[in-house]
Amino acid sequence: MNDFESKCRALFESIGDHKTMVLSTSLHDKVTSRTISVVLIDREFYFQTDLSFRKYRQIRENSNVALCTDNIQVEGICAEMGFPHDCPEFCGIYKRYFSAAYDMYSGLESERLFAVKPTYIQKWIYEAGDPFVESFDFVKGVYQKIERSRS
């Protein structure tokens, strides 16, 4: 296993199978952000939304999105996957951790499932009090850890 693969494994284990994250989307030089409930499956970030929402229109016209939570920032390509119930693995995890949202929205005819395939992830870490930035370039398969100065 190469360094990129082993570091990715550790990264996704630290994130877990679900997270509340901020999703940023943009269209025509207008960027918007909102908090969403995310399920992680096979290193992709899944969420659901309604056809009538602004983020749906933005993603359909510009699939480049960003997600963040805590000290982790994700850039990726977002793709519509169909109805939430078309993906039993998503539904199982989503219902376990976000049961109210699952019960209210997942069965609606206007609800759609999306997956974000990461192209780049950055994570701030601290070792012995010293700050570092880990970066994961999924396009090139490259991992880097750079110490940040305290100036």
Protein backbone atom coordinates (compact mmCIF):
# COMPACT_ATOMS: atom_id res chain seq x y z
CA MET A 1 0.00 0.00 0.00
CA ASN A 2 1.46 3.39 -0.97
CA ASP A 3 1.57 6.44 1.30
CA PHE A 4 -1.41 8.11 -0.40
CA GLU A 5 -3.58 5.03 0.08
CA SER A 6 -2.61 4.49 3.73
CA LYS A 7 -3.12 8.17 4.58
CA CYS A 8 -6.50 8.17 2.79
CA ARG A 9 -7.59 5.16 4.76
CA ALA A 10 -6.69 6.92 8.02
CA LEU A 11 -8.42 10.13 6.89
CA PHE A 12 -11.72 8.45 6.04
CA GLU A 13 -11.61 6.35 9.22
CA SER A 14 -11.25 9.60 11.20
CA ILE A 15 -14.25 11.13 9.39
CA GLY A 16 -16.48 8.10 9.97
CA ASP A 17 -19.65 7.13 8.10
CA HIS A 18 -21.62 10.33 8.66
CA LYS A 19 -21.04 14.03 9.32
CA THR A 20 -22.79 17.35 9.41
CA MET A 21 -20.93 19.48 6.88
CA VAL A 22 -21.18 22.81 5.11
CA LEU A 23 -21.81 22.50 1.37
CA SER A 24 -20.77 25.39 -0.89
CA THR A 25 -22.06 25.65 -4.44
CA SER A 26 -21.82 28.38 -7.05
CA LEU A 27 -23.36 29.59 -10.25
CA HIS A 28 -22.75 32.76 -12.27
CA ASP A 29 -20.19 34.11 -9.76
CA LYS A 30 -22.63 33.68 -6.85
CA VAL A 31 -21.46 31.35 -4.08
CA THR A 32 -23.85 29.98 -1.45
CA SER A 33 -23.30 27.71 1.55
CA ARG A 34 -25.52 25.70 3.84
CA THR A 35 -25.26 22.95 6.45
CA ILE A 36 -26.21 19.46 5.25
CA SER A 37 -26.29 15.92 6.62
CA VAL A 38 -23.73 13.70 4.87
CA VAL A 39 -23.22 9.95 4.65
CA LEU A 40 -19.85 8.56 3.54
CA ILE A 41 -19.81 5.48 1.32
CA ASP A 42 -16.69 4.21 -0.46
CA ARG A 43 -14.86 7.53 -0.01
CA GLU A 44 -17.69 9.58 -1.48
CA PHE A 45 -19.89 12.08 0.34
CA TYR A 46 -23.65 11.49 -0.14
CA PHE A 47 -26.50 13.87 0.66
CA GLN A 48 -30.06 14.46 -0.43
CA THR A 49 -31.90 17.61 -1.44
CA ASP A 50 -35.10 18.78 -3.09
CA LEU A 51 -35.46 19.61 -6.79
CA SER A 52 -36.83 23.05 -5.93
CA PHE A 53 -33.83 24.19 -3.87
CA ARG A 54 -31.22 26.66 -5.07
CA LYS A 55 -28.37 24.21 -4.41
CA TYR A 56 -30.01 21.69 -6.76
CA ARG A 57 -30.03 24.21 -9.61
CA GLN A 58 -26.48 25.32 -8.87
CA ILE A 59 -25.13 21.76 -8.83
CA ARG A 60 -26.94 20.84 -12.05
CA GLU A 61 -25.21 23.73 -13.83
CA ASN A 62 -21.87 23.65 -11.98
CA SER A 63 -20.88 20.31 -10.47
CA ASN A 64 -17.79 21.73 -8.70
CA VAL A 65 -18.60 21.91 -4.99
CA ALA A 66 -16.85 22.21 -1.64
CA LEU A 67 -17.61 20.66 1.72
CA CYS A 68 -16.11 21.43 5.11
CA THR A 69 -16.35 20.24 8.67
CA ASP A 70 -14.10 20.93 11.64
CA ASN A 71 -10.53 21.09 10.28
CA ILE A 72 -11.29 19.33 6.96
CA GLN A 73 -12.00 20.98 3.60
CA VAL A 74 -13.13 18.94 0.59
CA GLU A 75 -13.28 19.94 -3.07
CA GLY A 76 -15.06 17.62 -5.46
CA ILE A 77 -17.35 16.85 -8.35
CA CYS A 78 -21.01 16.37 -7.45
CA ALA A 79 -23.29 14.02 -9.38
CA GLU A 80 -27.00 13.27 -9.09
CA MET A 81 -27.57 9.61 -8.21
CA GLY A 82 -31.38 9.33 -8.41
CA PHE A 83 -33.86 8.97 -5.56
CA PRO A 84 -32.55 8.39 -2.03
CA HIS A 85 -34.41 5.07 -1.84
CA ASP A 86 -32.48 3.87 -4.91
CA CYS A 87 -29.46 3.52 -2.60
CA PRO A 88 -30.24 1.23 0.36
CA GLU A 89 -26.77 1.70 1.87
CA PHE A 90 -27.28 5.47 1.98
CA CYS A 91 -30.77 5.08 3.46
CA GLY A 92 -29.58 2.72 6.19
CA ILE A 93 -26.87 5.06 7.42
CA TYR A 94 -28.93 8.23 6.90
CA LYS A 95 -31.89 6.79 8.83
CA ARG A 96 -29.61 5.70 11.68
CA TYR A 97 -28.01 9.13 12.20
CA PHE A 98 -30.51 11.61 10.69
CA SER A 99 -33.81 9.85 11.36
CA ALA A 100 -36.02 12.96 11.47
CA ALA A 101 -34.77 14.15 8.06
CA TYR A 102 -35.04 10.62 6.68
CA ASP A 103 -38.65 10.27 7.85
CA MET A 104 -39.71 13.71 6.56
CA TYR A 105 -37.89 13.94 3.24
CA SER A 106 -36.29 10.75 1.88
CA GLY A 107 -39.54 9.37 0.46
CA LEU A 108 -40.63 12.56 -1.27
CA GLU A 109 -40.98 12.40 -5.06
CA SER A 110 -38.99 15.65 -5.38
CA GLU A 111 -36.03 14.48 -3.28
CA ARG A 112 -32.76 13.54 -5.03
CA LEU A 113 -29.56 11.88 -3.89
CA PHE A 114 -26.14 13.33 -4.73
CA ALA A 115 -22.59 12.04 -4.35
CA VAL A 116 -19.47 14.18 -4.14
CA LYS A 117 -16.36 12.47 -5.45
CA PRO A 118 -13.40 14.25 -3.84
CA THR A 119 -10.70 15.73 -6.05
CA TYR A 120 -8.77 17.41 -3.23
CA ILE A 121 -8.95 17.27 0.58
CA GLN A 122 -7.02 19.41 3.03
CA LYS A 123 -6.83 18.79 6.78
CA TRP A 124 -5.15 20.83 9.49
CA ILE A 125 -3.43 18.72 12.15
CA TYR A 126 -1.20 19.41 15.15
CA GLU A 127 1.75 17.32 16.24
CA ALA A 128 3.43 18.22 19.54
CA GLY A 129 1.72 21.61 19.29
CA ASP A 130 3.08 22.33 15.82
CA PRO A 131 0.59 22.99 12.97
CA PHE A 132 0.67 20.99 9.74
CA VAL A 133 -1.52 20.83 6.67
CA GLU A 134 -2.18 17.46 5.11
CA SER A 135 -3.28 17.51 1.49
CA PHE A 136 -4.75 14.68 -0.56
CA ASP A 137 -4.78 15.18 -4.33
CA PHE A 138 -7.16 12.50 -5.61
CA VAL A 139 -6.57 13.37 -9.25
CA LYS A 140 -2.80 12.78 -9.03
CA GLY A 141 -2.88 10.32 -6.13
CA VAL A 142 -0.50 12.47 -4.08
CA TYR A 143 -0.35 13.00 -0.30
CA GLN A 144 1.65 15.81 1.30
CA LYS A 145 2.16 17.04 4.84
CA ILE A 146 3.56 20.55 5.19
CA GLU A 147 4.50 22.26 8.44
CA ARG A 148 2.96 25.72 8.79
CA SER A 149 5.02 28.49 10.33
CA ARG A 150 3.77 30.31 13.39
CA SER A 151 4.77 33.79 12.25
